[in-house]
Amino acid sequence: MQFDIDTSGKFADTFLMIRDILLAFPEIREQKNAKQTAYYDAYSAVCFLRSDEEKLTLALARGAALLPKFPFLKGEGKIVRHLYFKSPSEVDKSLIEAIIQETLMLNLEASELKRLRKYL
């Protein structure tokens, strides 16, 4: 499982540091998958963590929607954007908390819009 690789591999300290930040949000739950560790709230995916030989990747599920507030996010896909880490010193706790808080708001807004559309 990728979780086992991430917690014992080259970027284990960074993985565990970011994991602690994510799990400090009471609404976030962790799901361990074969290819990544996923984090969800009650509405949707929040983010995913996965390391490879070169870096640890924090993939943000609503990354494209986050670009107006966080234009430094990487990626060119339709939805997901990324942050990359090579050491714990690169982790900015307050920045990650702000990004996750904004993601939680976007998930809530999307859920409410979907619910309201049923009544229109």
PDB file of N, CA and C in Angstrom:
ATOM      1  N   MET A   1       0.832  -1.180   0.000  1.00  0.00           N
ATOM      2  CA  MET A   1       0.000   0.000   0.000  1.00  0.00           C
ATOM      3  C   MET A   1       0.884   1.255   0.000  1.00  0.00           C
ATOM      4  N   GLN A   2       0.433   2.270  -0.693  1.00  0.00           N
ATOM      5  CA  GLN A   2       1.222   3.497  -0.810  1.00  0.00           C
ATOM      6  C   GLN A   2       1.458   4.147   0.553  1.00  0.00           C
ATOM      7  N   PHE A   3       0.502   4.048   1.454  1.00  0.00           N
ATOM      8  CA  PHE A   3       0.659   4.616   2.794  1.00  0.00           C
ATOM      9  C   PHE A   3       1.906   4.049   3.483  1.00  0.00           C
ATOM     10  N   ASP A   4       2.100   2.748   3.371  1.00  0.00           N
ATOM     11  CA  ASP A   4       3.258   2.107   3.996  1.00  0.00           C
ATOM     12  C   ASP A   4       4.559   2.602   3.374  1.00  0.00           C
ATOM     13  N   ILE A   5       4.566   2.785   2.075  1.00  0.00           N
ATOM     14  CA  ILE A   5       5.738   3.325   1.377  1.00  0.00           C
ATOM     15  C   ILE A   5       6.004   4.750   1.852  1.00  0.00           C
ATOM     16  N   ASP A   6       4.946   5.552   1.912  1.00  0.00           N
ATOM     17  CA  ASP A   6       5.103   6.962   2.292  1.00  0.00           C
ATOM     18  C   ASP A   6       5.553   7.152   3.735  1.00  0.00           C
ATOM     19  N   THR A   7       5.131   6.281   4.623  1.00  0.00           N
ATOM     20  CA  THR A   7       5.487   6.438   6.035  1.00  0.00           C
ATOM     21  C   THR A   7       6.854   5.849   6.383  1.00  0.00           C
ATOM     22  N   SER A   8       7.453   5.132   5.446  1.00  0.00           N
ATOM     23  CA  SER A   8       8.767   4.560   5.724  1.00  0.00           C
ATOM     24  C   SER A   8       9.814   4.947   4.673  1.00  0.00           C
ATOM     25  N   GLY A   9       9.425   5.707   3.679  1.00  0.00           N
ATOM     26  CA  GLY A   9      10.314   6.040   2.580  1.00  0.00           C
ATOM     27  C   GLY A   9      11.121   7.310   2.799  1.00  0.00           C
ATOM     28  N   LYS A  10      11.707   7.750   1.726  1.00  0.00           N
ATOM     29  CA  LYS A  10      12.602   8.905   1.708  1.00  0.00           C
ATOM     30  C   LYS A  10      11.942  10.185   2.231  1.00  0.00           C
ATOM     31  N   PHE A  11      10.648  10.328   1.994  1.00  0.00           N
ATOM     32  CA  PHE A  11       9.934  11.553   2.374  1.00  0.00           C
ATOM     33  C   PHE A  11       8.977  11.329   3.546  1.00  0.00           C
ATOM     34  N   ALA A  12       9.266  10.334   4.366  1.00  0.00           N
ATOM     35  CA  ALA A  12       8.377   9.980   5.480  1.00  0.00           C
ATOM     36  C   ALA A  12       8.147  11.150   6.432  1.00  0.00           C
ATOM     37  N   ASP A  13       9.183  11.885   6.791  1.00  0.00           N
ATOM     38  CA  ASP A  13       9.020  13.017   7.719  1.00  0.00           C
ATOM     39  C   ASP A  13       8.086  14.071   7.144  1.00  0.00           C
ATOM     40  N   THR A  14       8.246  14.362   5.872  1.00  0.00           N
ATOM     41  CA  THR A  14       7.403  15.362   5.211  1.00  0.00           C
ATOM     42  C   THR A  14       5.966  14.852   5.103  1.00  0.00           C
ATOM     43  N   PHE A  15       5.810  13.589   4.712  1.00  0.00           N
ATOM     44  CA  PHE A  15       4.483  12.980   4.617  1.00  0.00           C
ATOM     45  C   PHE A  15       3.761  13.065   5.956  1.00  0.00           C
ATOM     46  N   LEU A  16       4.426  12.660   7.016  1.00  0.00           N
ATOM     47  CA  LEU A  16       3.788  12.654   8.338  1.00  0.00           C
ATOM     48  C   LEU A  16       3.466  14.063   8.820  1.00  0.00           C
ATOM     49  N   MET A  17       4.303  15.027   8.478  1.00  0.00           N
ATOM     50  CA  MET A  17       4.044  16.412   8.860  1.00  0.00           C
ATOM     51  C   MET A  17       2.776  16.930   8.163  1.00  0.00           C
ATOM     52  N   ILE A  18       2.667  16.695   6.875  1.00  0.00           N
ATOM     53  CA  ILE A  18       1.483  17.153   6.137  1.00  0.00           C
ATOM     54  C   ILE A  18       0.250  16.373   6.571  1.00  0.00           C
ATOM     55  N   ARG A  19       0.406  15.093   6.803  1.00  0.00           N
ATOM     56  CA  ARG A  19      -0.708  14.266   7.285  1.00  0.00           C
ATOM     57  C   ARG A  19      -1.259  14.820   8.593  1.00  0.00           C
ATOM     58  N   ASP A  20      -0.382  15.199   9.508  1.00  0.00           N
ATOM     59  CA  ASP A  20      -0.813  15.771  10.793  1.00  0.00           C
ATOM     60  C   ASP A  20      -1.597  17.070  10.578  1.00  0.00           C
ATOM     61  N   ILE A  21      -1.159  17.889   9.637  1.00  0.00           N
ATOM     62  CA  ILE A  21      -1.877  19.139   9.327  1.00  0.00           C
ATOM     63  C   ILE A  21      -3.278  18.812   8.839  1.00  0.00           C
ATOM     64  N   LEU A  22      -3.374  17.852   7.923  1.00  0.00           N
ATOM     65  CA  LEU A  22      -4.678  17.498   7.351  1.00  0.00           C
ATOM     66  C   LEU A  22      -5.618  16.902   8.392  1.00  0.00           C
ATOM     67  N   LEU A  23      -5.105  15.999   9.197  1.00  0.00           N
ATOM     68  CA  LEU A  23      -5.961  15.328  10.181  1.00  0.00           C
ATOM     69  C   LEU A  23      -6.299  16.209  11.380  1.00  0.00           C
ATOM     70  N   ALA A  24      -5.688  17.376  11.481  1.00  0.00           N
ATOM     71  CA  ALA A  24      -6.066  18.328  12.526  1.00  0.00           C
ATOM     72  C   ALA A  24      -7.422  18.961  12.238  1.00  0.00           C
ATOM     73  N   PHE A  25      -7.875  18.876  10.990  1.00  0.00           N
ATOM     74  CA  PHE A  25      -9.216  19.339  10.632  1.00  0.00           C
ATOM     75  C   PHE A  25     -10.194  18.226  11.000  1.00  0.00           C
ATOM     76  N   PRO A  26     -11.117  18.486  11.931  1.00  0.00           N
ATOM     77  CA  PRO A  26     -12.005  17.408  12.391  1.00  0.00           C
ATOM     78  C   PRO A  26     -12.917  16.853  11.293  1.00  0.00           C
ATOM     79  N   GLU A  27     -13.165  17.625  10.259  1.00  0.00           N
ATOM     80  CA  GLU A  27     -14.056  17.160   9.202  1.00  0.00           C
ATOM     81  C   GLU A  27     -13.368  16.299   8.148  1.00  0.00           C
ATOM     82  N   ILE A  28     -12.056  16.151   8.239  1.00  0.00           N
ATOM     83  CA  ILE A  28     -11.312  15.380   7.241  1.00  0.00           C
ATOM     84  C   ILE A  28     -11.065  13.971   7.744  1.00  0.00           C
ATOM     85  N   ARG A  29     -11.318  13.015   6.842  1.00  0.00           N
ATOM     86  CA  ARG A  29     -11.019  11.617   7.143  1.00  0.00           C
ATOM     87  C   ARG A  29     -10.029  11.071   6.112  1.00  0.00           C
ATOM     88  N   GLU A  30      -9.252  10.115   6.529  1.00  0.00           N
ATOM     89  CA  GLU A  30      -8.190   9.556   5.696  1.00  0.00           C
ATOM     90  C   GLU A  30      -8.637   8.221   5.111  1.00  0.00           C
ATOM     91  N   GLN A  31      -8.266   7.984   3.859  1.00  0.00           N
ATOM     92  CA  GLN A  31      -8.542   6.701   3.218  1.00  0.00           C
ATOM     93  C   GLN A  31      -7.263   6.226   2.539  1.00  0.00           C
ATOM     94  N   LYS A  32      -6.792   5.074   2.936  1.00  0.00           N
ATOM     95  CA  LYS A  32      -5.557   4.526   2.385  1.00  0.00           C
ATOM     96  C   LYS A  32      -5.889   3.667   1.172  1.00  0.00           C
ATOM     97  N   ASN A  33      -5.281   3.998   0.049  1.00  0.00           N
ATOM     98  CA  ASN A  33      -5.493   3.279  -1.201  1.00  0.00           C
ATOM     99  C   ASN A  33      -4.181   2.667  -1.669  1.00  0.00           C
ATOM    100  N   ALA A  34      -4.250   1.831  -2.664  1.00  0.00           N
ATOM    101  CA  ALA A  34      -3.049   1.187  -3.196  1.00  0.00           C
ATOM    102  C   ALA A  34      -2.077   2.201  -3.796  1.00  0.00           C
ATOM    103  N   LYS A  35      -2.596   3.272  -4.407  1.00  0.00           N
ATOM    104  CA  LYS A  35      -1.737   4.210  -5.135  1.00  0.00           C
ATOM    105  C   LYS A  35      -1.521   5.548  -4.448  1.00  0.00           C
ATOM    106  N   GLN A  36      -2.288   5.855  -3.397  1.00  0.00           N
ATOM    107  CA  GLN A  36      -2.168   7.144  -2.726  1.00  0.00           C
ATOM    108  C   GLN A  36      -2.918   7.106  -1.404  1.00  0.00           C
ATOM    109  N   THR A  37      -2.695   8.103  -0.581  1.00  0.00           N
ATOM    110  CA  THR A  37      -3.495   8.286   0.620  1.00  0.00           C
ATOM    111  C   THR A  37      -4.418   9.461   0.336  1.00  0.00           C
ATOM    112  N   ALA A  38      -5.718   9.218   0.452  1.00  0.00           N
ATOM    113  CA  ALA A  38      -6.720  10.220   0.093  1.00  0.00           C
ATOM    114  C   ALA A  38      -7.344  10.805   1.354  1.00  0.00           C
ATOM    115  N   TYR A  39      -7.770  12.063   1.229  1.00  0.00           N
ATOM    116  CA  TYR A  39      -8.403  12.779   2.343  1.00  0.00           C
ATOM    117  C   TYR A  39      -9.717  13.363   1.842  1.00  0.00           C
ATOM    118  N   TYR A  40     -10.783  13.114   2.596  1.00  0.00           N
ATOM    119  CA  TYR A  40     -12.129  13.520   2.209  1.00  0.00           C
ATOM    120  C   TYR A  40     -12.799  14.266   3.341  1.00  0.00           C
ATOM    121  N   ASP A  41     -13.765  15.122   2.976  1.00  0.00           N
ATOM    122  CA  ASP A  41     -14.686  15.658   3.962  1.00  0.00           C
ATOM    123  C   ASP A  41     -16.039  15.003   3.685  1.00  0.00           C
ATOM    124  N   ALA A  42     -17.094  15.495   4.283  1.00  0.00           N
ATOM    125  CA  ALA A  42     -18.415  14.880   4.108  1.00  0.00           C
ATOM    126  C   ALA A  42     -18.961  15.051   2.688  1.00  0.00           C
ATOM    127  N   TYR A  43     -18.387  15.950   1.913  1.00  0.00           N
ATOM    128  CA  TYR A  43     -18.941  16.282   0.612  1.00  0.00           C
ATOM    129  C   TYR A  43     -18.171  15.713  -0.568  1.00  0.00           C
ATOM    130  N   SER A  44     -16.851  15.654  -0.454  1.00  0.00           N
ATOM    131  CA  SER A  44     -16.047  15.290  -1.618  1.00  0.00           C
ATOM    132  C   SER A  44     -14.588  15.076  -1.223  1.00  0.00           C
ATOM    133  N   ALA A  45     -13.770  14.810  -2.221  1.00  0.00           N
ATOM    134  CA  ALA A  45     -12.330  14.678  -1.996  1.00  0.00           C
ATOM    135  C   ALA A  45     -11.739  16.038  -1.664  1.00  0.00           C
ATOM    136  N   VAL A  46     -10.754  16.045  -0.799  1.00  0.00           N
ATOM    137  CA  VAL A  46     -10.046  17.264  -0.428  1.00  0.00           C
ATOM    138  C   VAL A  46      -8.668  17.264  -1.088  1.00  0.00           C
ATOM    139  N   CYS A  47      -7.904  16.198  -0.848  1.00  0.00           N
ATOM    140  CA  CYS A  47      -6.559  16.119  -1.415  1.00  0.00           C
ATOM    141  C   CYS A  47      -6.051  14.688  -1.350  1.00  0.00           C
ATOM    142  N   PHE A  48      -4.874  14.499  -1.942  1.00  0.00           N
ATOM    143  CA  PHE A  48      -4.235  13.194  -1.994  1.00  0.00           C
ATOM    144  C   PHE A  48      -2.741  13.380  -1.762  1.00  0.00           C
ATOM    145  N   LEU A  49      -2.127  12.436  -1.073  1.00  0.00           N
ATOM    146  CA  LEU A  49      -0.679  12.456  -0.839  1.00  0.00           C
ATOM    147  C   LEU A  49      -0.055  11.205  -1.443  1.00  0.00           C
ATOM    148  N   ARG A  50       1.090  11.414  -2.098  1.00  0.00           N
ATOM    149  CA  ARG A  50       1.817  10.291  -2.683  1.00  0.00           C
ATOM    150  C   ARG A  50       3.258  10.717  -2.921  1.00  0.00           C
ATOM    151  N   SER A  51       4.174   9.822  -2.592  1.00  0.00           N
ATOM    152  CA  SER A  51       5.582  10.109  -2.872  1.00  0.00           C
ATOM    153  C   SER A  51       6.073   9.222  -4.004  1.00  0.00           C
ATOM    154  N   ASP A  52       7.130   9.684  -4.637  1.00  0.00           N
ATOM    155  CA  ASP A  52       7.860   8.877  -5.609  1.00  0.00           C
ATOM    156  C   ASP A  52       9.338   9.006  -5.267  1.00  0.00           C
ATOM    157  N   GLU A  53      10.205   8.676  -6.168  1.00  0.00           N
ATOM    158  CA  GLU A  53      11.634   8.712  -5.867  1.00  0.00           C
ATOM    159  C   GLU A  53      12.188  10.126  -5.742  1.00  0.00           C
ATOM    160  N   GLU A  54      11.475  11.124  -6.279  1.00  0.00           N
ATOM    161  CA  GLU A  54      11.992  12.492  -6.322  1.00  0.00           C
ATOM    162  C   GLU A  54      11.324  13.471  -5.376  1.00  0.00           C
ATOM    163  N   LYS A  55      10.054  13.206  -5.000  1.00  0.00           N
ATOM    164  CA  LYS A  55       9.308  14.217  -4.246  1.00  0.00           C
ATOM    165  C   LYS A  55       8.061  13.620  -3.612  1.00  0.00           C
ATOM    166  N   LEU A  56       7.477  14.399  -2.713  1.00  0.00           N
ATOM    167  CA  LEU A  56       6.153  14.106  -2.162  1.00  0.00           C
ATOM    168  C   LEU A  56       5.192  15.073  -2.827  1.00  0.00           C
ATOM    169  N   THR A  57       4.088  14.550  -3.313  1.00  0.00           N
ATOM    170  CA  THR A  57       3.099  15.379  -3.999  1.00  0.00           C
ATOM    171  C   THR A  57       1.838  15.492  -3.159  1.00  0.00           C
ATOM    172  N   LEU A  58       1.387  16.722  -2.954  1.00  0.00           N
ATOM    173  CA  LEU A  58       0.083  17.010  -2.371  1.00  0.00           C
ATOM    174  C   LEU A  58      -0.792  17.442  -3.535  1.00  0.00           C
ATOM    175  N   ALA A  59      -1.717  16.575  -3.920  1.00  0.00           N
ATOM    176  CA  ALA A  59      -2.619  16.857  -5.032  1.00  0.00           C
ATOM    177  C   ALA A  59      -3.928  17.393  -4.463  1.00  0.00           C
ATOM    178  N   LEU A  60      -4.331  18.565  -4.906  1.00  0.00           N
ATOM    179  CA  LEU A  60      -5.526  19.236  -4.385  1.00  0.00           C
ATOM    180  C   LEU A  60      -6.705  18.977  -5.308  1.00  0.00           C
ATOM    181  N   ALA A  61      -7.734  18.338  -4.769  1.00  0.00           N
ATOM    182  CA  ALA A  61      -8.865  17.883  -5.572  1.00  0.00           C
ATOM    183  C   ALA A  61      -9.600  19.024  -6.277  1.00  0.00           C
ATOM    184  N   ARG A  62      -9.629  20.193  -5.699  1.00  0.00           N
ATOM    185  CA  ARG A  62     -10.273  21.355  -6.317  1.00  0.00           C
ATOM    186  C   ARG A  62      -9.231  22.407  -6.694  1.00  0.00           C
ATOM    187  N   GLY A  63      -8.090  21.931  -7.110  1.00  0.00           N
ATOM    188  CA  GLY A  63      -6.954  22.795  -7.379  1.00  0.00           C
ATOM    189  C   GLY A  63      -7.207  23.897  -8.389  1.00  0.00           C
ATOM    190  N   ALA A  64      -7.888  23.573  -9.487  1.00  0.00           N
ATOM    191  CA  ALA A  64      -8.143  24.595 -10.512  1.00  0.00           C
ATOM    192  C   ALA A  64      -8.988  25.733  -9.942  1.00  0.00           C
ATOM    193  N   ALA A  65      -9.931  25.414  -9.082  1.00  0.00           N
ATOM    194  CA  ALA A  65     -10.776  26.441  -8.464  1.00  0.00           C
ATOM    195  C   ALA A  65      -9.998  27.255  -7.430  1.00  0.00           C
ATOM    196  N   LEU A  66      -8.885  26.723  -6.953  1.00  0.00           N
ATOM    197  CA  LEU A  66      -8.063  27.420  -5.968  1.00  0.00           C
ATOM    198  C   LEU A  66      -7.099  28.424  -6.594  1.00  0.00           C
ATOM    199  N   LEU A  67      -6.899  28.340  -7.895  1.00  0.00           N
ATOM    200  CA  LEU A  67      -5.899  29.180  -8.561  1.00  0.00           C
ATOM    201  C   LEU A  67      -6.059  30.682  -8.343  1.00  0.00           C
ATOM    202  N   PRO A  68      -7.262  31.238  -8.308  1.00  0.00           N
ATOM    203  CA  PRO A  68      -7.363  32.684  -8.072  1.00  0.00           C
ATOM    204  C   PRO A  68      -6.709  33.127  -6.754  1.00  0.00           C
ATOM    205  N   LYS A  69      -6.819  32.314  -5.710  1.00  0.00           N
ATOM    206  CA  LYS A  69      -6.227  32.675  -4.418  1.00  0.00           C
ATOM    207  C   LYS A  69      -4.802  32.153  -4.261  1.00  0.00           C
ATOM    208  N   PHE A  70      -4.493  31.072  -4.974  1.00  0.00           N
ATOM    209  CA  PHE A  70      -3.190  30.420  -4.840  1.00  0.00           C
ATOM    210  C   PHE A  70      -2.611  30.138  -6.225  1.00  0.00           C
ATOM    211  N   PRO A  71      -2.179  31.175  -6.935  1.00  0.00           N
ATOM    212  CA  PRO A  71      -1.753  31.022  -8.328  1.00  0.00           C
ATOM    213  C   PRO A  71      -0.454  30.244  -8.529  1.00  0.00           C
ATOM    214  N   PHE A  72       0.255  29.934  -7.472  1.00  0.00           N
ATOM    215  CA  PHE A  72       1.520  29.216  -7.559  1.00  0.00           C
ATOM    216  C   PHE A  72       1.343  27.700  -7.638  1.00  0.00           C
ATOM    217  N   LEU A  73       0.104  27.207  -7.536  1.00  0.00           N
ATOM    218  CA  LEU A  73      -0.124  25.768  -7.618  1.00  0.00           C
ATOM    219  C   LEU A  73       0.282  25.263  -8.995  1.00  0.00           C
ATOM    220  N   LYS A  74       0.804  24.064  -9.050  1.00  0.00           N
ATOM    221  CA  LYS A  74       1.316  23.481 -10.284  1.00  0.00           C
ATOM    222  C   LYS A  74       0.302  22.525 -10.893  1.00  0.00           C
ATOM    223  N   GLY A  75       0.373  22.387 -12.206  1.00  0.00           N
ATOM    224  CA  GLY A  75      -0.459  21.421 -12.912  1.00  0.00           C
ATOM    225  C   GLY A  75      -1.247  22.069 -14.019  1.00  0.00           C
ATOM    226  N   GLU A  76      -1.603  21.280 -14.999  1.00  0.00           N
ATOM    227  CA  GLU A  76      -2.305  21.802 -16.165  1.00  0.00           C
ATOM    228  C   GLU A  76      -3.597  21.055 -16.448  1.00  0.00           C
ATOM    229  N   GLY A  77      -3.997  20.149 -15.572  1.00  0.00           N
ATOM    230  CA  GLY A  77      -5.219  19.394 -15.776  1.00  0.00           C
ATOM    231  C   GLY A  77      -6.459  20.264 -15.591  1.00  0.00           C
ATOM    232  N   LYS A  78      -7.606  19.684 -15.844  1.00  0.00           N
ATOM    233  CA  LYS A  78      -8.861  20.430 -15.728  1.00  0.00           C
ATOM    234  C   LYS A  78      -9.237  20.730 -14.278  1.00  0.00           C
ATOM    235  N   ILE A  79      -8.834  19.870 -13.342  1.00  0.00           N
ATOM    236  CA  ILE A  79      -9.335  19.996 -11.976  1.00  0.00           C
ATOM    237  C   ILE A  79      -8.226  20.075 -10.931  1.00  0.00           C
ATOM    238  N   VAL A  80      -7.332  19.126 -10.914  1.00  0.00           N
ATOM    239  CA  VAL A  80      -6.348  18.969  -9.835  1.00  0.00           C
ATOM    240  C   VAL A  80      -5.137  19.879 -10.044  1.00  0.00           C
ATOM    241  N   ARG A  81      -4.598  20.396  -8.946  1.00  0.00           N
ATOM    242  CA  ARG A  81      -3.341  21.135  -8.936  1.00  0.00           C
ATOM    243  C   ARG A  81      -2.485  20.562  -7.811  1.00  0.00           C
ATOM    244  N   HIS A  82      -1.175  20.826  -7.859  1.00  0.00           N
ATOM    245  CA  HIS A  82      -0.246  20.165  -6.961  1.00  0.00           C
ATOM    246  C   HIS A  82       0.695  21.126  -6.236  1.00  0.00           C
ATOM    247  N   LEU A  83       1.170  20.649  -5.103  1.00  0.00           N
ATOM    248  CA  LEU A  83       2.312  21.221  -4.393  1.00  0.00           C
ATOM    249  C   LEU A  83       3.312  20.083  -4.241  1.00  0.00           C
ATOM    250  N   TYR A  84       4.593  20.398  -4.411  1.00  0.00           N
ATOM    251  CA  TYR A  84       5.639  19.387  -4.329  1.00  0.00           C
ATOM    252  C   TYR A  84       6.582  19.715  -3.174  1.00  0.00           C
ATOM    253  N   PHE A  85       7.046  18.662  -2.502  1.00  0.00           N
ATOM    254  CA  PHE A  85       7.925  18.828  -1.352  1.00  0.00           C
ATOM    255  C   PHE A  85       9.075  17.834  -1.432  1.00  0.00           C
ATOM    256  N   LYS A  86      10.256  18.308  -1.053  1.00  0.00           N
ATOM    257  CA  LYS A  86      11.427  17.431  -0.996  1.00  0.00           C
ATOM    258  C   LYS A  86      11.995  17.338   0.418  1.00  0.00           C
ATOM    259  N   SER A  87      11.549  18.220   1.308  1.00  0.00           N
ATOM    260  CA  SER A  87      12.023  18.170   2.691  1.00  0.00           C
ATOM    261  C   SER A  87      10.985  18.815   3.614  1.00  0.00           C
ATOM    262  N   PRO A  88      11.013  18.471   4.896  1.00  0.00           N
ATOM    263  CA  PRO A  88      10.079  19.076   5.847  1.00  0.00           C
ATOM    264  C   PRO A  88      10.221  20.598   5.931  1.00  0.00           C
ATOM    265  N   SER A  89      11.395  21.123   5.649  1.00  0.00           N
ATOM    266  CA  SER A  89      11.603  22.569   5.731  1.00  0.00           C
ATOM    267  C   SER A  89      10.798  23.332   4.679  1.00  0.00           C
ATOM    268  N   GLU A  90      10.341  22.652   3.640  1.00  0.00           N
ATOM    269  CA  GLU A  90       9.535  23.284   2.597  1.00  0.00           C
ATOM    270  C   GLU A  90       8.048  23.370   2.961  1.00  0.00           C
ATOM    271  N   VAL A  91       7.651  22.714   4.043  1.00  0.00           N
ATOM    272  CA  VAL A  91       6.249  22.681   4.457  1.00  0.00           C
ATOM    273  C   VAL A  91       5.913  23.965   5.205  1.00  0.00           C
ATOM    274  N   ASP A  92       4.960  24.713   4.673  1.00  0.00           N
ATOM    275  CA  ASP A  92       4.470  25.931   5.318  1.00  0.00           C
ATOM    276  C   ASP A  92       3.083  25.590   5.891  1.00  0.00           C
ATOM    277  N   LYS A  93       3.059  25.310   7.171  1.00  0.00           N
ATOM    278  CA  LYS A  93       1.826  24.850   7.826  1.00  0.00           C
ATOM    279  C   LYS A  93       0.669  25.820   7.622  1.00  0.00           C
ATOM    280  N   SER A  94       0.892  27.091   7.810  1.00  0.00           N
ATOM    281  CA  SER A  94      -0.209  28.062   7.692  1.00  0.00           C
ATOM    282  C   SER A  94      -0.721  28.138   6.246  1.00  0.00           C
ATOM    283  N   LEU A  95       0.157  27.999   5.282  1.00  0.00           N
ATOM    284  CA  LEU A  95      -0.269  28.006   3.885  1.00  0.00           C
ATOM    285  C   LEU A  95      -1.108  26.767   3.569  1.00  0.00           C
ATOM    286  N   ILE A  96      -0.661  25.619   3.999  1.00  0.00           N
ATOM    287  CA  ILE A  96      -1.426  24.390   3.752  1.00  0.00           C
ATOM    288  C   ILE A  96      -2.777  24.465   4.452  1.00  0.00           C
ATOM    289  N   GLU A  97      -2.798  24.969   5.658  1.00  0.00           N
ATOM    290  CA  GLU A  97      -4.081  25.122   6.371  1.00  0.00           C
ATOM    291  C   GLU A  97      -5.018  26.053   5.603  1.00  0.00           C
ATOM    292  N   ALA A  98      -4.504  27.142   5.070  1.00  0.00           N
ATOM    293  CA  ALA A  98      -5.337  28.079   4.300  1.00  0.00           C
ATOM    294  C   ALA A  98      -5.872  27.421   3.034  1.00  0.00           C
ATOM    295  N   ILE A  99      -5.039  26.666   2.357  1.00  0.00           N
ATOM    296  CA  ILE A  99      -5.467  25.984   1.135  1.00  0.00           C
ATOM    297  C   ILE A  99      -6.539  24.946   1.455  1.00  0.00           C
ATOM    298  N   ILE A 100      -6.338  24.182   2.518  1.00  0.00           N
ATOM    299  CA  ILE A 100      -7.317  23.157   2.889  1.00  0.00           C
ATOM    300  C   ILE A 100      -8.626  23.797   3.345  1.00  0.00           C
ATOM    301  N   GLN A 101      -8.548  24.878   4.104  1.00  0.00           N
ATOM    302  CA  GLN A 101      -9.765  25.574   4.540  1.00  0.00           C
ATOM    303  C   GLN A 101     -10.563  26.063   3.334  1.00  0.00           C
ATOM    304  N   GLU A 102      -9.879  26.611   2.353  1.00  0.00           N
ATOM    305  CA  GLU A 102     -10.554  27.078   1.136  1.00  0.00           C
ATOM    306  C   GLU A 102     -11.161  25.898   0.374  1.00  0.00           C
ATOM    307  N   THR A 103     -10.468  24.776   0.329  1.00  0.00           N
ATOM    308  CA  THR A 103     -10.996  23.578  -0.332  1.00  0.00           C
ATOM    309  C   THR A 103     -12.262  23.088   0.362  1.00  0.00           C
ATOM    310  N   LEU A 104     -12.257  23.092   1.683  1.00  0.00           N
ATOM    311  CA  LEU A 104     -13.449  22.675   2.426  1.00  0.00           C
ATOM    312  C   LEU A 104     -14.641  23.580   2.103  1.00  0.00           C
ATOM    313  N   MET A 105     -14.386  24.879   1.982  1.00  0.00           N
ATOM    314  CA  MET A 105     -15.457  25.817   1.619  1.00  0.00           C
ATOM    315  C   MET A 105     -15.966  25.536   0.201  1.00  0.00           C
ATOM    316  N   LEU A 106     -15.069  25.281  -0.726  1.00  0.00           N
ATOM    317  CA  LEU A 106     -15.471  24.975  -2.103  1.00  0.00           C
ATOM    318  C   LEU A 106     -16.288  23.688  -2.155  1.00  0.00           C
ATOM    319  N   ASN A 107     -15.907  22.686  -1.380  1.00  0.00           N
ATOM    320  CA  ASN A 107     -16.677  21.441  -1.334  1.00  0.00           C
ATOM    321  C   ASN A 107     -18.081  21.685  -0.793  1.00  0.00           C
ATOM    322  N   LEU A 108     -18.191  22.476   0.264  1.00  0.00           N
ATOM    323  CA  LEU A 108     -19.496  22.804   0.840  1.00  0.00           C
ATOM    324  C   LEU A 108     -20.347  23.579  -0.157  1.00  0.00           C
ATOM    325  N   GLU A 109     -19.763  24.577  -0.801  1.00  0.00           N
ATOM    326  CA  GLU A 109     -20.500  25.379  -1.787  1.00  0.00           C
ATOM    327  C   GLU A 109     -20.995  24.516  -2.936  1.00  0.00           C
ATOM    328  N   ALA A 110     -20.168  23.631  -3.439  1.00  0.00           N
ATOM    329  CA  ALA A 110     -20.567  22.756  -4.546  1.00  0.00           C
ATOM    330  C   ALA A 110     -21.710  21.841  -4.125  1.00  0.00           C
ATOM    331  N   SER A 111     -21.639  21.343  -2.916  1.00  0.00           N
ATOM    332  CA  SER A 111     -22.704  20.472  -2.407  1.00  0.00           C
ATOM    333  C   SER A 111     -24.014  21.234  -2.262  1.00  0.00           C
ATOM    334  N   GLU A 112     -23.947  22.447  -1.723  1.00  0.00           N
ATOM    335  CA  GLU A 112     -25.155  23.258  -1.553  1.00  0.00           C
ATOM    336  C   GLU A 112     -25.769  23.645  -2.905  1.00  0.00           C
ATOM    337  N   LEU A 113     -24.928  23.986  -3.862  1.00  0.00           N
ATOM    338  CA  LEU A 113     -25.447  24.318  -5.201  1.00  0.00           C
ATOM    339  C   LEU A 113     -26.147  23.123  -5.829  1.00  0.00           C
ATOM    340  N   LYS A 114     -25.566  21.970  -5.665  1.00  0.00           N
ATOM    341  CA  LYS A 114     -26.180  20.735  -6.204  1.00  0.00           C
ATOM    342  C   LYS A 114     -27.532  20.487  -5.538  1.00  0.00           C
ATOM    343  N   ARG A 115     -27.578  20.680  -4.230  1.00  0.00           N
ATOM    344  CA  ARG A 115     -28.827  20.470  -3.485  1.00  0.00           C
ATOM    345  C   ARG A 115     -29.890  21.479  -3.912  1.00  0.00           C
ATOM    346  N   LEU A 116     -29.494  22.743  -4.080  1.00  0.00           N
ATOM    347  CA  LEU A 116     -30.451  23.786  -4.471  1.00  0.00           C
ATOM    348  C   LEU A 116     -30.987  23.585  -5.890  1.00  0.00           C
ATOM    349  N   ARG A 117     -30.166  23.039  -6.766  1.00  0.00           N
ATOM    350  CA  ARG A 117     -30.610  22.802  -8.145  1.00  0.00           C
ATOM    351  C   ARG A 117     -31.786  21.840  -8.213  1.00  0.00           C
ATOM    352  N   LYS A 118     -31.891  20.963  -7.243  1.00  0.00           N
ATOM    353  CA  LYS A 118     -33.007  20.021  -7.199  1.00  0.00           C
ATOM    354  C   LYS A 118     -34.346  20.735  -7.055  1.00  0.00           C
ATOM    355  N   TYR A 119     -34.317  21.936  -6.460  1.00  0.00           N
ATOM    356  CA  TYR A 119     -35.548  22.654  -6.187  1.00  0.00           C
ATOM    357  C   TYR A 119     -35.864  23.697  -7.249  1.00  0.00           C
ATOM    358  N   LEU A 120     -35.028  23.842  -8.243  1.00  0.00           N
ATOM    359  CA  LEU A 120     -35.268  24.844  -9.291  1.00  0.00           C
ATOM    360  C   LEU A 120     -35.951  24.245 -10.480  1.00  0.00           C
TER     361      LEU A 120
END
